Amino acid sequence: MVRFAYALAAALMVSHVTAAPVFNNPLVQQRADPQVMLHSDGYYYFTATVPEYDRIELRRVKDLNDLGKADAKTVWRKHASGVMSANIWAPEIHYIDGKWYLYFTAGRADAPFDIRLYVLENASANPLEGQWTERGQLKTGWETFSLDATTFALGAQRYLVWTQRPASSTEHLTAIYMAKMDSPVSITGPAVLLSKPEYAWERIGFNVNEAPAVLVKNGRVFLTYSASKTDANYALGMLTADASANLLDAKVWKKSPTPVFTTSAANGQYGPGHNAFTTTPDGKQDVLIYHARNYRDISGDPLNDPNRHTRAQLIHWRGDGTPDFGTPVADVARQP
């Protein structure tokens, strides 16, 4: 009887364990800088940089494994000339105060790398429908190379986090900044420098901190970013702050001296980076979305190599409440 009771208790415990999802990586071929948000309607909304750098696409699915076969709706195309006419990069979709917003990076046909931040707005319930309206440049306070905007809210305050070349820097580098937002299309107050390339692993090929992403959990704010050249050296770093702290005080952020997610030659994953965060549909498990290539050697400029594919894997949590991203898992085709 006692043995039966123990067996029953064990069976009940197993029945309450949430099954770990299996992701059929790569989820989407040739889609870099991926971002996914799980909306209250039960759909995942996905966007990413397309290899042609000429448009913004959206997809929506109930299951992340369906992203690769989902219809890709082009919701906006680059201009023929002038602003927003080249290098359409790193779109992110966010739902704020009853409207949808797409934040993205764009240059000009006559100066492709003179890039800035821009915003689109859509009031439709379904962002794959309705009209996307150009809201113009998202001004950061000074005019230099800027990209990779993301936004998050903590309590009643919304923040913008992005990448930009410092105004007074004589060194060719990019850094991570944060500012308060007073509307979905504007910031208020000064921008605060949170991180710039300091360690050797952040300065391979180029001196880069870029592509911030934010995860708020366990009373802390975890801010990941990507560093170094966009080849096999690309890797994720992380800043951490207490959620109750003044996030616009750079001193409250602790920077990891080592990368938190890097190339795994054993698993055939090279240059993992430019990540986003989402959850399983029930909200119980956190998911890391990122891009990586399945080979190391690249001919020519990595920006011209289209094979950064979108991938996903579960985030595990340490006993101290910090995320353990582990190593990039092997693609399904490589798994035994």
C-alpha atoms as a PDB file:
ATOM      1  CA  MET A   1       0.000   0.000   0.000  1.00  0.00           C
ATOM      2  CA  VAL A   2       2.847   2.376   0.878  1.00  0.00           C
ATOM      3  CA  ARG A   3       4.593   1.543  -2.396  1.00  0.00           C
ATOM      4  CA  PHE A   4       1.368   2.325  -4.279  1.00  0.00           C
ATOM      5  CA  ALA A   5       1.055   5.696  -2.497  1.00  0.00           C
ATOM      6  CA  TYR A   6       4.610   6.662  -3.473  1.00  0.00           C
ATOM      7  CA  ALA A   7       3.976   5.608  -7.075  1.00  0.00           C
ATOM      8  CA  LEU A   8       0.760   7.622  -7.189  1.00  0.00           C
ATOM      9  CA  ALA A   9       2.484  10.697  -5.761  1.00  0.00           C
ATOM     10  CA  ALA A  10       5.282  10.385  -8.302  1.00  0.00           C
ATOM     11  CA  ALA A  11       2.790  10.053 -11.149  1.00  0.00           C
ATOM     12  CA  LEU A  12       0.941  13.161  -9.987  1.00  0.00           C
ATOM     13  CA  MET A  13       4.188  15.123  -9.808  1.00  0.00           C
ATOM     14  CA  VAL A  14       5.118  14.125 -13.366  1.00  0.00           C
ATOM     15  CA  SER A  15       1.669  15.075 -14.632  1.00  0.00           C
ATOM     16  CA  HIS A  16       2.180  18.620 -13.354  1.00  0.00           C
ATOM     17  CA  VAL A  17       5.526  19.110 -15.075  1.00  0.00           C
ATOM     18  CA  THR A  18       5.193  21.227 -18.204  1.00  0.00           C
ATOM     19  CA  ALA A  19       6.595  19.373 -21.174  1.00  0.00           C
ATOM     20  CA  ALA A  20       9.584  21.087 -22.730  1.00  0.00           C
ATOM     21  CA  PRO A  21       8.806  22.243 -26.260  1.00  0.00           C
ATOM     22  CA  VAL A  22      10.893  20.989 -29.140  1.00  0.00           C
ATOM     23  CA  PHE A  23      11.858  23.639 -31.673  1.00  0.00           C
ATOM     24  CA  ASN A  24      12.425  22.526 -35.248  1.00  0.00           C
ATOM     25  CA  ASN A  25      15.456  24.736 -35.789  1.00  0.00           C
ATOM     26  CA  PRO A  26      16.061  26.597 -37.924  1.00  0.00           C
ATOM     27  CA  LEU A  27      12.566  28.028 -37.596  1.00  0.00           C
ATOM     28  CA  VAL A  28      12.941  30.401 -40.563  1.00  0.00           C
ATOM     29  CA  GLN A  29      15.636  30.278 -43.221  1.00  0.00           C
ATOM     30  CA  GLN A  30      17.513  33.461 -44.144  1.00  0.00           C
ATOM     31  CA  ARG A  31      15.899  35.716 -41.581  1.00  0.00           C
ATOM     32  CA  ALA A  32      18.376  37.620 -39.429  1.00  0.00           C
ATOM     33  CA  ASP A  33      17.768  39.899 -36.435  1.00  0.00           C
ATOM     34  CA  PRO A  34      14.572  38.041 -35.502  1.00  0.00           C
ATOM     35  CA  GLN A  35      11.972  39.359 -33.093  1.00  0.00           C
ATOM     36  CA  VAL A  36       8.852  37.620 -31.832  1.00  0.00           C
ATOM     37  CA  MET A  37       6.097  38.844 -29.543  1.00  0.00           C
ATOM     38  CA  LEU A  38       3.289  36.766 -28.086  1.00  0.00           C
ATOM     39  CA  HIS A  39       0.156  38.912 -28.119  1.00  0.00           C
ATOM     40  CA  SER A  40      -2.967  38.624 -25.973  1.00  0.00           C
ATOM     41  CA  ASP A  41      -4.841  37.155 -28.976  1.00  0.00           C
ATOM     42  CA  GLY A  42      -2.727  33.991 -28.680  1.00  0.00           C
ATOM     43  CA  TYR A  43      -0.690  34.664 -31.812  1.00  0.00           C
ATOM     44  CA  TYR A  44       3.060  35.035 -32.109  1.00  0.00           C
ATOM     45  CA  TYR A  45       3.962  37.988 -34.347  1.00  0.00           C
ATOM     46  CA  PHE A  46       7.314  37.634 -36.076  1.00  0.00           C
ATOM     47  CA  THR A  47       9.489  40.026 -38.017  1.00  0.00           C
ATOM     48  CA  ALA A  48      13.153  40.021 -39.053  1.00  0.00           C
ATOM     49  CA  THR A  49      15.654  41.464 -41.492  1.00  0.00           C
ATOM     50  CA  VAL A  50      15.193  40.090 -45.018  1.00  0.00           C
ATOM     51  CA  PRO A  51      18.340  39.361 -47.091  1.00  0.00           C
ATOM     52  CA  GLU A  52      17.473  42.023 -49.672  1.00  0.00           C
ATOM     53  CA  TYR A  53      17.330  44.745 -46.974  1.00  0.00           C
ATOM     54  CA  ASP A  54      14.418  46.297 -48.857  1.00  0.00           C
ATOM     55  CA  ARG A  55      11.184  45.650 -46.931  1.00  0.00           C
ATOM     56  CA  ILE A  56       9.491  44.708 -43.680  1.00  0.00           C
ATOM     57  CA  GLU A  57       7.566  41.457 -43.384  1.00  0.00           C
ATOM     58  CA  LEU A  58       5.232  40.127 -40.711  1.00  0.00           C
ATOM     59  CA  ARG A  59       4.066  36.608 -39.950  1.00  0.00           C
ATOM     60  CA  ARG A  60       1.706  35.325 -37.285  1.00  0.00           C
ATOM     61  CA  VAL A  61       1.322  31.801 -35.934  1.00  0.00           C
ATOM     62  CA  LYS A  62       0.009  29.979 -32.884  1.00  0.00           C
ATOM     63  CA  ASP A  63       3.058  27.661 -32.813  1.00  0.00           C
ATOM     64  CA  LEU A  64       6.619  28.908 -33.290  1.00  0.00           C
ATOM     65  CA  ASN A  65       7.396  25.791 -35.320  1.00  0.00           C
ATOM     66  CA  ASP A  66       4.954  27.021 -37.963  1.00  0.00           C
ATOM     67  CA  LEU A  67       6.865  30.235 -38.671  1.00  0.00           C
ATOM     68  CA  GLY A  68       8.803  28.831 -41.609  1.00  0.00           C
ATOM     69  CA  LYS A  69       5.677  27.841 -43.531  1.00  0.00           C
ATOM     70  CA  ALA A  70       3.552  30.844 -42.523  1.00  0.00           C
ATOM     71  CA  ASP A  71       2.690  33.443 -45.141  1.00  0.00           C
ATOM     72  CA  ALA A  72       5.033  36.411 -44.986  1.00  0.00           C
ATOM     73  CA  LYS A  73       3.040  39.618 -45.442  1.00  0.00           C
ATOM     74  CA  THR A  74       5.048  42.561 -46.737  1.00  0.00           C
ATOM     75  CA  VAL A  75       3.691  45.539 -44.797  1.00  0.00           C
ATOM     76  CA  TRP A  76       6.152  48.219 -45.951  1.00  0.00           C
ATOM     77  CA  ARG A  77       8.789  48.726 -48.645  1.00  0.00           C
ATOM     78  CA  LYS A  78      11.777  51.028 -48.787  1.00  0.00           C
ATOM     79  CA  HIS A  79      11.572  54.400 -50.536  1.00  0.00           C
ATOM     80  CA  ALA A  80      13.074  54.823 -53.985  1.00  0.00           C
ATOM     81  CA  SER A  81      15.375  57.582 -52.736  1.00  0.00           C
ATOM     82  CA  GLY A  82      15.990  59.818 -49.758  1.00  0.00           C
ATOM     83  CA  VAL A  83      15.440  58.678 -46.192  1.00  0.00           C
ATOM     84  CA  MET A  84      14.395  55.060 -45.635  1.00  0.00           C
ATOM     85  CA  SER A  85      15.666  53.983 -49.065  1.00  0.00           C
ATOM     86  CA  ALA A  86      18.438  51.519 -48.128  1.00  0.00           C
ATOM     87  CA  ASN A  87      19.554  49.003 -45.499  1.00  0.00           C
ATOM     88  CA  ILE A  88      16.178  48.257 -43.949  1.00  0.00           C
ATOM     89  CA  TRP A  89      17.325  46.373 -40.860  1.00  0.00           C
ATOM     90  CA  ALA A  90      16.172  44.872 -37.586  1.00  0.00           C
ATOM     91  CA  PRO A  91      12.440  45.593 -37.443  1.00  0.00           C
ATOM     92  CA  GLU A  92      10.680  45.032 -34.123  1.00  0.00           C
ATOM     93  CA  ILE A  93       6.931  44.925 -33.555  1.00  0.00           C
ATOM     94  CA  HIS A  94       5.363  46.175 -30.307  1.00  0.00           C
ATOM     95  CA  TYR A  95       1.792  46.721 -29.142  1.00  0.00           C
ATOM     96  CA  ILE A  96       1.490  49.944 -27.144  1.00  0.00           C
ATOM     97  CA  ASP A  97      -1.661  51.695 -25.912  1.00  0.00           C
ATOM     98  CA  GLY A  98      -3.940  49.913 -28.378  1.00  0.00           C
ATOM     99  CA  LYS A  99      -1.793  50.379 -31.483  1.00  0.00           C
ATOM    100  CA  TRP A 100       0.969  48.471 -33.225  1.00  0.00           C
ATOM    101  CA  TYR A 101       4.402  49.972 -33.792  1.00  0.00           C
ATOM    102  CA  LEU A 102       7.290  48.817 -35.950  1.00  0.00           C
ATOM    103  CA  TYR A 103      10.706  50.192 -35.025  1.00  0.00           C
ATOM    104  CA  PHE A 104      13.383  49.716 -37.663  1.00  0.00           C
ATOM    105  CA  THR A 105      16.690  50.943 -39.024  1.00  0.00           C
ATOM    106  CA  ALA A 106      17.156  52.539 -42.448  1.00  0.00           C
ATOM    107  CA  GLY A 107      19.755  54.387 -44.493  1.00  0.00           C
ATOM    108  CA  ARG A 108      19.644  56.332 -47.759  1.00  0.00           C
ATOM    109  CA  ALA A 109      20.354  55.058 -51.253  1.00  0.00           C
ATOM    110  CA  ASP A 110      23.051  57.714 -51.636  1.00  0.00           C
ATOM    111  CA  ALA A 111      24.506  56.895 -48.185  1.00  0.00           C
ATOM    112  CA  PRO A 112      23.450  53.351 -47.201  1.00  0.00           C
ATOM    113  CA  PHE A 113      25.307  53.352 -43.888  1.00  0.00           C
ATOM    114  CA  ASP A 114      24.096  56.755 -42.774  1.00  0.00           C
ATOM    115  CA  ILE A 115      21.446  54.887 -40.822  1.00  0.00           C
ATOM    116  CA  ARG A 116      18.869  56.121 -38.297  1.00  0.00           C
ATOM    117  CA  LEU A 117      15.833  54.855 -36.351  1.00  0.00           C
ATOM    118  CA  TYR A 118      12.309  55.067 -37.796  1.00  0.00           C
ATOM    119  CA  VAL A 119       8.801  54.120 -36.699  1.00  0.00           C
ATOM    120  CA  LEU A 120       5.625  52.835 -38.376  1.00  0.00           C
ATOM    121  CA  GLU A 121       2.167  52.812 -36.712  1.00  0.00           C
ATOM    122  CA  ASN A 122      -0.965  50.729 -37.306  1.00  0.00           C
ATOM    123  CA  ALA A 123      -4.286  50.977 -35.439  1.00  0.00           C
ATOM    124  CA  SER A 124      -5.712  47.704 -36.822  1.00  0.00           C
ATOM    125  CA  ALA A 125      -6.428  44.853 -34.426  1.00  0.00           C
ATOM    126  CA  ASN A 126      -4.398  42.582 -36.713  1.00  0.00           C
ATOM    127  CA  PRO A 127      -1.109  44.194 -37.782  1.00  0.00           C
ATOM    128  CA  LEU A 128      -1.076  42.154 -40.993  1.00  0.00           C
ATOM    129  CA  GLU A 129      -4.114  44.194 -41.991  1.00  0.00           C
ATOM    130  CA  GLY A 130      -4.935  47.896 -41.961  1.00  0.00           C
ATOM    131  CA  GLN A 131      -2.608  50.733 -42.852  1.00  0.00           C
ATOM    132  CA  TRP A 132       0.943  51.207 -41.650  1.00  0.00           C
ATOM    133  CA  THR A 133       1.637  54.932 -41.308  1.00  0.00           C
ATOM    134  CA  GLU A 134       5.137  56.370 -41.349  1.00  0.00           C
ATOM    135  CA  ARG A 135       5.764  58.291 -38.135  1.00  0.00           C
ATOM    136  CA  GLY A 136       9.212  59.429 -39.209  1.00  0.00           C
ATOM    137  CA  GLN A 137      12.573  59.332 -37.509  1.00  0.00           C
ATOM    138  CA  LEU A 138      12.804  58.524 -33.835  1.00  0.00           C
ATOM    139  CA  LYS A 139      15.154  61.272 -32.675  1.00  0.00           C
ATOM    140  CA  THR A 140      17.730  60.296 -30.066  1.00  0.00           C
ATOM    141  CA  GLY A 141      19.293  63.682 -29.347  1.00  0.00           C
ATOM    142  CA  TRP A 142      22.207  63.640 -31.780  1.00  0.00           C
ATOM    143  CA  GLU A 143      22.715  62.593 -35.386  1.00  0.00           C
ATOM    144  CA  THR A 144      25.114  59.679 -35.743  1.00  0.00           C
ATOM    145  CA  PHE A 145      24.994  56.063 -36.928  1.00  0.00           C
ATOM    146  CA  SER A 146      22.111  54.505 -34.938  1.00  0.00           C
ATOM    147  CA  LEU A 147      20.198  51.228 -35.145  1.00  0.00           C
ATOM    148  CA  ASP A 148      18.431  48.360 -33.358  1.00  0.00           C
ATOM    149  CA  ALA A 149      15.782  50.088 -31.266  1.00  0.00           C
ATOM    150  CA  THR A 150      13.731  48.105 -28.778  1.00  0.00           C
ATOM    151  CA  THR A 151      11.257  49.206 -26.127  1.00  0.00           C
ATOM    152  CA  PHE A 152       9.910  47.868 -22.840  1.00  0.00           C
ATOM    153  CA  ALA A 153       7.749  49.096 -19.977  1.00  0.00           C
ATOM    154  CA  LEU A 154       8.451  48.732 -16.277  1.00  0.00           C
ATOM    155  CA  GLY A 155       5.574  49.868 -14.129  1.00  0.00           C
ATOM    156  CA  ALA A 156       4.139  53.046 -15.632  1.00  0.00           C
ATOM    157  CA  GLN A 157       7.343  54.018 -17.423  1.00  0.00           C
ATOM    158  CA  ARG A 158       8.285  52.981 -20.948  1.00  0.00           C
ATOM    159  CA  TYR A 159      11.904  53.005 -22.092  1.00  0.00           C
ATOM    160  CA  LEU A 160      13.718  52.977 -25.406  1.00  0.00           C
ATOM    161  CA  VAL A 161      16.991  51.058 -25.698  1.00  0.00           C
ATOM    162  CA  TRP A 162      19.068  51.307 -28.855  1.00  0.00           C
ATOM    163  CA  THR A 163      22.515  51.303 -30.449  1.00  0.00           C
ATOM    164  CA  GLN A 164      24.359  54.434 -31.510  1.00  0.00           C
ATOM    165  CA  ARG A 165      27.796  55.833 -32.173  1.00  0.00           C
ATOM    166  CA  PRO A 166      28.688  58.236 -29.363  1.00  0.00           C
ATOM    167  CA  ALA A 167      28.460  61.874 -30.387  1.00  0.00           C
ATOM    168  CA  SER A 168      31.937  62.807 -29.223  1.00  0.00           C
ATOM    169  CA  SER A 169      33.771  59.554 -29.836  1.00  0.00           C
ATOM    170  CA  THR A 170      36.900  59.599 -31.972  1.00  0.00           C
ATOM    171  CA  GLU A 171      36.871  55.798 -31.993  1.00  0.00           C
ATOM    172  CA  HIS A 172      34.820  53.809 -34.486  1.00  0.00           C
ATOM    173  CA  LEU A 173      32.434  51.964 -32.177  1.00  0.00           C
ATOM    174  CA  THR A 174      28.779  51.460 -31.312  1.00  0.00           C
ATOM    175  CA  ALA A 175      27.292  51.539 -27.817  1.00  0.00           C
ATOM    176  CA  ILE A 176      24.023  50.799 -26.004  1.00  0.00           C
ATOM    177  CA  TYR A 177      21.847  53.693 -24.809  1.00  0.00           C
ATOM    178  CA  MET A 178      18.610  54.024 -22.851  1.00  0.00           C
ATOM    179  CA  ALA A 179      16.104  56.841 -22.398  1.00  0.00           C
ATOM    180  CA  LYS A 180      12.573  57.343 -21.108  1.00  0.00           C
ATOM    181  CA  MET A 181       9.806  57.528 -23.705  1.00  0.00           C
ATOM    182  CA  ASP A 182       7.036  60.115 -23.501  1.00  0.00           C
ATOM    183  CA  SER A 183       5.194  58.565 -26.454  1.00  0.00           C
ATOM    184  CA  PRO A 184       5.650  55.470 -28.628  1.00  0.00           C
ATOM    185  CA  VAL A 185       7.508  57.614 -31.163  1.00  0.00           C
ATOM    186  CA  SER A 186       9.655  59.900 -28.996  1.00  0.00           C
ATOM    187  CA  ILE A 187      11.987  59.967 -26.021  1.00  0.00           C
ATOM    188  CA  THR A 188      12.220  62.501 -23.243  1.00  0.00           C
ATOM    189  CA  GLY A 189      15.202  63.511 -21.182  1.00  0.00           C
ATOM    190  CA  PRO A 190      18.832  62.624 -21.793  1.00  0.00           C
ATOM    191  CA  ALA A 191      20.042  59.355 -23.246  1.00  0.00           C
ATOM    192  CA  VAL A 192      22.201  57.318 -20.887  1.00  0.00           C
ATOM    193  CA  LEU A 193      25.178  55.275 -22.061  1.00  0.00           C
ATOM    194  CA  LEU A 194      24.837  51.772 -20.583  1.00  0.00           C
ATOM    195  CA  SER A 195      27.544  49.798 -22.364  1.00  0.00           C
ATOM    196  CA  LYS A 196      30.321  50.192 -24.893  1.00  0.00           C
ATOM    197  CA  PRO A 197      32.886  47.648 -26.154  1.00  0.00           C
ATOM    198  CA  GLU A 198      35.466  47.132 -23.415  1.00  0.00           C
ATOM    199  CA  TYR A 199      36.467  43.476 -23.435  1.00  0.00           C
ATOM    200  CA  ALA A 200      38.459  41.716 -26.134  1.00  0.00           C
ATOM    201  CA  TRP A 201      35.482  39.506 -27.087  1.00  0.00           C
ATOM    202  CA  GLU A 202      33.462  42.680 -27.856  1.00  0.00           C
ATOM    203  CA  ARG A 203      36.098  44.067 -30.191  1.00  0.00           C
ATOM    204  CA  ILE A 204      36.774  41.301 -32.720  1.00  0.00           C
ATOM    205  CA  GLY A 205      36.607  42.668 -36.260  1.00  0.00           C
ATOM    206  CA  PHE A 206      34.678  45.738 -35.110  1.00  0.00           C
ATOM    207  CA  ASN A 207      34.148  47.469 -31.775  1.00  0.00           C
ATOM    208  CA  VAL A 208      30.481  46.611 -31.391  1.00  0.00           C
ATOM    209  CA  ASN A 209      27.757  46.617 -28.778  1.00  0.00           C
ATOM    210  CA  GLU A 210      24.412  46.437 -30.590  1.00  0.00           C
ATOM    211  CA  ALA A 211      20.969  44.788 -30.771  1.00  0.00           C
ATOM    212  CA  PRO A 212      19.734  45.181 -27.174  1.00  0.00           C
ATOM    213  CA  ALA A 213      16.899  42.980 -25.896  1.00  0.00           C
ATOM    214  CA  VAL A 214      15.243  43.137 -22.479  1.00  0.00           C
ATOM    215  CA  LEU A 215      13.868  40.454 -20.175  1.00  0.00           C
ATOM    216  CA  VAL A 216      12.334  41.452 -16.823  1.00  0.00           C
ATOM    217  CA  LYS A 217      12.115  38.596 -14.332  1.00  0.00           C
ATOM    218  CA  ASN A 218      12.884  37.674 -10.731  1.00  0.00           C
ATOM    219  CA  GLY A 219      13.023  41.309  -9.656  1.00  0.00           C
ATOM    220  CA  ARG A 220      15.739  42.155 -12.166  1.00  0.00           C
ATOM    221  CA  VAL A 221      16.145  43.591 -15.626  1.00  0.00           C
ATOM    222  CA  PHE A 222      18.358  41.524 -17.911  1.00  0.00           C
ATOM    223  CA  LEU A 223      19.570  43.389 -20.990  1.00  0.00           C
ATOM    224  CA  THR A 224      21.338  41.298 -23.598  1.00  0.00           C
ATOM    225  CA  TYR A 225      23.263  42.735 -26.522  1.00  0.00           C
ATOM    226  CA  SER A 226      25.416  41.460 -29.396  1.00  0.00           C
ATOM    227  CA  ALA A 227      29.117  42.135 -29.788  1.00  0.00           C
ATOM    228  CA  SER A 228      31.899  41.965 -32.406  1.00  0.00           C
ATOM    229  CA  LYS A 229      31.710  41.366 -36.153  1.00  0.00           C
ATOM    230  CA  THR A 230      28.674  39.537 -37.571  1.00  0.00           C
ATOM    231  CA  ASP A 231      30.595  36.347 -38.346  1.00  0.00           C
ATOM    232  CA  ALA A 232      31.435  33.399 -36.080  1.00  0.00           C
ATOM    233  CA  ASN A 233      32.751  35.874 -33.478  1.00  0.00           C
ATOM    234  CA  TYR A 234      29.322  37.400 -32.918  1.00  0.00           C
ATOM    235  CA  ALA A 235      28.148  36.674 -29.356  1.00  0.00           C
ATOM    236  CA  LEU A 236      25.725  37.813 -26.669  1.00  0.00           C
ATOM    237  CA  GLY A 237      26.710  39.871 -23.654  1.00  0.00           C
ATOM    238  CA  MET A 238      24.469  40.855 -20.760  1.00  0.00           C
ATOM    239  CA  LEU A 239      23.846  43.720 -18.362  1.00  0.00           C
ATOM    240  CA  THR A 240      21.827  43.236 -15.164  1.00  0.00           C
ATOM    241  CA  ALA A 241      20.065  45.750 -12.911  1.00  0.00           C
ATOM    242  CA  ASP A 242      17.636  45.549 -10.014  1.00  0.00           C
ATOM    243  CA  ALA A 243      14.120  46.260 -11.285  1.00  0.00           C
ATOM    244  CA  SER A 244      13.554  48.727  -8.426  1.00  0.00           C
ATOM    245  CA  ALA A 245      16.679  50.746  -9.253  1.00  0.00           C
ATOM    246  CA  ASN A 246      16.889  53.910 -11.305  1.00  0.00           C
ATOM    247  CA  LEU A 247      17.563  52.307 -14.666  1.00  0.00           C
ATOM    248  CA  LEU A 248      18.842  55.595 -16.057  1.00  0.00           C
ATOM    249  CA  ASP A 249      21.741  55.524 -13.608  1.00  0.00           C
ATOM    250  CA  ALA A 250      24.475  53.663 -15.474  1.00  0.00           C
ATOM    251  CA  LYS A 251      26.058  52.629 -12.167  1.00  0.00           C
ATOM    252  CA  VAL A 252      23.172  50.273 -11.286  1.00  0.00           C
ATOM    253  CA  TRP A 253      23.957  48.036 -14.267  1.00  0.00           C
ATOM    254  CA  LYS A 254      26.390  45.160 -13.822  1.00  0.00           C
ATOM    255  CA  LYS A 255      28.069  43.931 -16.988  1.00  0.00           C
ATOM    256  CA  SER A 256      29.094  40.316 -17.468  1.00  0.00           C
ATOM    257  CA  PRO A 257      32.837  40.198 -18.208  1.00  0.00           C
ATOM    258  CA  THR A 258      32.347  37.144 -20.438  1.00  0.00           C
ATOM    259  CA  PRO A 259      29.814  36.436 -23.201  1.00  0.00           C
ATOM    260  CA  VAL A 260      26.649  34.596 -22.176  1.00  0.00           C
ATOM    261  CA  PHE A 261      25.910  32.880 -25.520  1.00  0.00           C
ATOM    262  CA  THR A 262      28.550  32.021 -28.116  1.00  0.00           C
ATOM    263  CA  THR A 263      29.418  29.907 -31.140  1.00  0.00           C
ATOM    264  CA  SER A 264      29.201  26.135 -30.709  1.00  0.00           C
ATOM    265  CA  ALA A 265      31.274  24.364 -33.334  1.00  0.00           C
ATOM    266  CA  ALA A 266      30.192  21.025 -31.838  1.00  0.00           C
ATOM    267  CA  ASN A 267      26.549  21.887 -32.543  1.00  0.00           C
ATOM    268  CA  GLY A 268      27.197  23.580 -35.889  1.00  0.00           C
ATOM    269  CA  GLN A 269      26.042  27.012 -34.683  1.00  0.00           C
ATOM    270  CA  TYR A 270      28.165  30.031 -35.574  1.00  0.00           C
ATOM    271  CA  GLY A 271      27.748  33.660 -34.563  1.00  0.00           C
ATOM    272  CA  PRO A 272      24.565  33.432 -32.468  1.00  0.00           C
ATOM    273  CA  GLY A 273      23.180  36.848 -31.730  1.00  0.00           C
ATOM    274  CA  HIS A 274      20.696  39.662 -32.245  1.00  0.00           C
ATOM    275  CA  ASN A 275      18.218  37.976 -29.969  1.00  0.00           C
ATOM    276  CA  ALA A 276      14.715  38.567 -28.667  1.00  0.00           C
ATOM    277  CA  PHE A 277      12.697  37.066 -25.831  1.00  0.00           C
ATOM    278  CA  THR A 278       9.281  35.459 -25.764  1.00  0.00           C
ATOM    279  CA  THR A 279       7.527  32.660 -23.857  1.00  0.00           C
ATOM    280  CA  THR A 280       5.712  29.424 -24.501  1.00  0.00           C
ATOM    281  CA  PRO A 281       1.991  29.977 -25.222  1.00  0.00           C
ATOM    282  CA  ASP A 282       1.089  29.383 -21.568  1.00  0.00           C
ATOM    283  CA  GLY A 283       3.653  31.963 -20.446  1.00  0.00           C
ATOM    284  CA  LYS A 284       5.381  29.464 -18.162  1.00  0.00           C
ATOM    285  CA  GLN A 285       8.669  28.991 -20.003  1.00  0.00           C
ATOM    286  CA  ASP A 286      10.961  31.652 -21.405  1.00  0.00           C
ATOM    287  CA  VAL A 287      12.264  31.333 -24.938  1.00  0.00           C
ATOM    288  CA  LEU A 288      15.355  32.813 -26.562  1.00  0.00           C
ATOM    289  CA  ILE A 289      14.950  33.775 -30.232  1.00  0.00           C
ATOM    290  CA  TYR A 290      18.169  34.439 -32.163  1.00  0.00           C
ATOM    291  CA  HIS A 291      19.938  34.032 -35.470  1.00  0.00           C
ATOM    292  CA  ALA A 292      23.024  31.996 -36.332  1.00  0.00           C
ATOM    293  CA  ARG A 293      24.714  30.397 -39.313  1.00  0.00           C
ATOM    294  CA  ASN A 294      25.454  26.683 -39.637  1.00  0.00           C
ATOM    295  CA  TYR A 295      28.973  27.230 -41.015  1.00  0.00           C
ATOM    296  CA  ARG A 296      32.000  29.229 -39.923  1.00  0.00           C
ATOM    297  CA  ASP A 297      33.740  30.340 -43.112  1.00  0.00           C
ATOM    298  CA  ILE A 298      32.203  33.234 -45.040  1.00  0.00           C
ATOM    299  CA  SER A 299      33.311  34.587 -48.386  1.00  0.00           C
ATOM    300  CA  GLY A 300      33.438  38.388 -48.403  1.00  0.00           C
ATOM    301  CA  ASP A 301      31.513  40.719 -46.110  1.00  0.00           C
ATOM    302  CA  PRO A 302      29.297  38.823 -43.634  1.00  0.00           C
ATOM    303  CA  LEU A 303      26.553  41.387 -44.277  1.00  0.00           C
ATOM    304  CA  ASN A 304      26.287  40.021 -47.804  1.00  0.00           C
ATOM    305  CA  ASP A 305      25.911  36.430 -46.641  1.00  0.00           C
ATOM    306  CA  PRO A 306      22.162  35.706 -46.360  1.00  0.00           C
ATOM    307  CA  ASN A 307      22.309  32.555 -44.266  1.00  0.00           C
ATOM    308  CA  ARG A 308      21.654  33.832 -40.785  1.00  0.00           C
ATOM    309  CA  HIS A 309      18.662  31.692 -39.866  1.00  0.00           C
ATOM    310  CA  THR A 310      16.117  32.236 -37.086  1.00  0.00           C
ATOM    311  CA  ARG A 311      16.328  29.775 -34.204  1.00  0.00           C
ATOM    312  CA  ALA A 312      14.790  29.269 -30.755  1.00  0.00           C
ATOM    313  CA  GLN A 313      15.578  27.489 -27.517  1.00  0.00           C
ATOM    314  CA  LEU A 314      14.408  27.434 -23.922  1.00  0.00           C
ATOM    315  CA  ILE A 315      16.041  29.594 -21.283  1.00  0.00           C
ATOM    316  CA  HIS A 316      16.910  27.846 -18.039  1.00  0.00           C
ATOM    317  CA  TRP A 317      17.100  29.647 -14.700  1.00  0.00           C
ATOM    318  CA  ARG A 318      19.794  29.277 -12.077  1.00  0.00           C
ATOM    319  CA  GLY A 319      19.077  29.102  -8.377  1.00  0.00           C
ATOM    320  CA  ASP A 320      20.129  32.737  -7.973  1.00  0.00           C
ATOM    321  CA  GLY A 321      17.427  33.873 -10.409  1.00  0.00           C
ATOM    322  CA  THR A 322      19.722  34.624 -13.361  1.00  0.00           C
ATOM    323  CA  PRO A 323      19.233  33.193 -16.859  1.00  0.00           C
ATOM    324  CA  ASP A 324      21.346  30.360 -18.186  1.00  0.00           C
ATOM    325  CA  PHE A 325      21.267  30.500 -21.970  1.00  0.00           C
ATOM    326  CA  GLY A 326      23.505  27.457 -22.323  1.00  0.00           C
ATOM    327  CA  THR A 327      24.964  26.813 -25.772  1.00  0.00           C
ATOM    328  CA  PRO A 328      23.165  27.075 -29.121  1.00  0.00           C
ATOM    329  CA  VAL A 329      21.425  23.760 -29.682  1.00  0.00           C
ATOM    330  CA  ALA A 330      22.098  21.755 -32.817  1.00  0.00           C
ATOM    331  CA  ASP A 331      19.658  22.065 -35.693  1.00  0.00           C
ATOM    332  CA  VAL A 332      17.121  19.269 -35.891  1.00  0.00           C
ATOM    333  CA  ALA A 333      18.931  17.759 -38.870  1.00  0.00           C
ATOM    334  CA  ARG A 334      22.110  17.388 -36.783  1.00  0.00           C
ATOM    335  CA  GLN A 335      20.498  15.884 -33.708  1.00  0.00           C
ATOM    336  CA  PRO A 336      20.816  12.124 -33.147  1.00  0.00           C
END
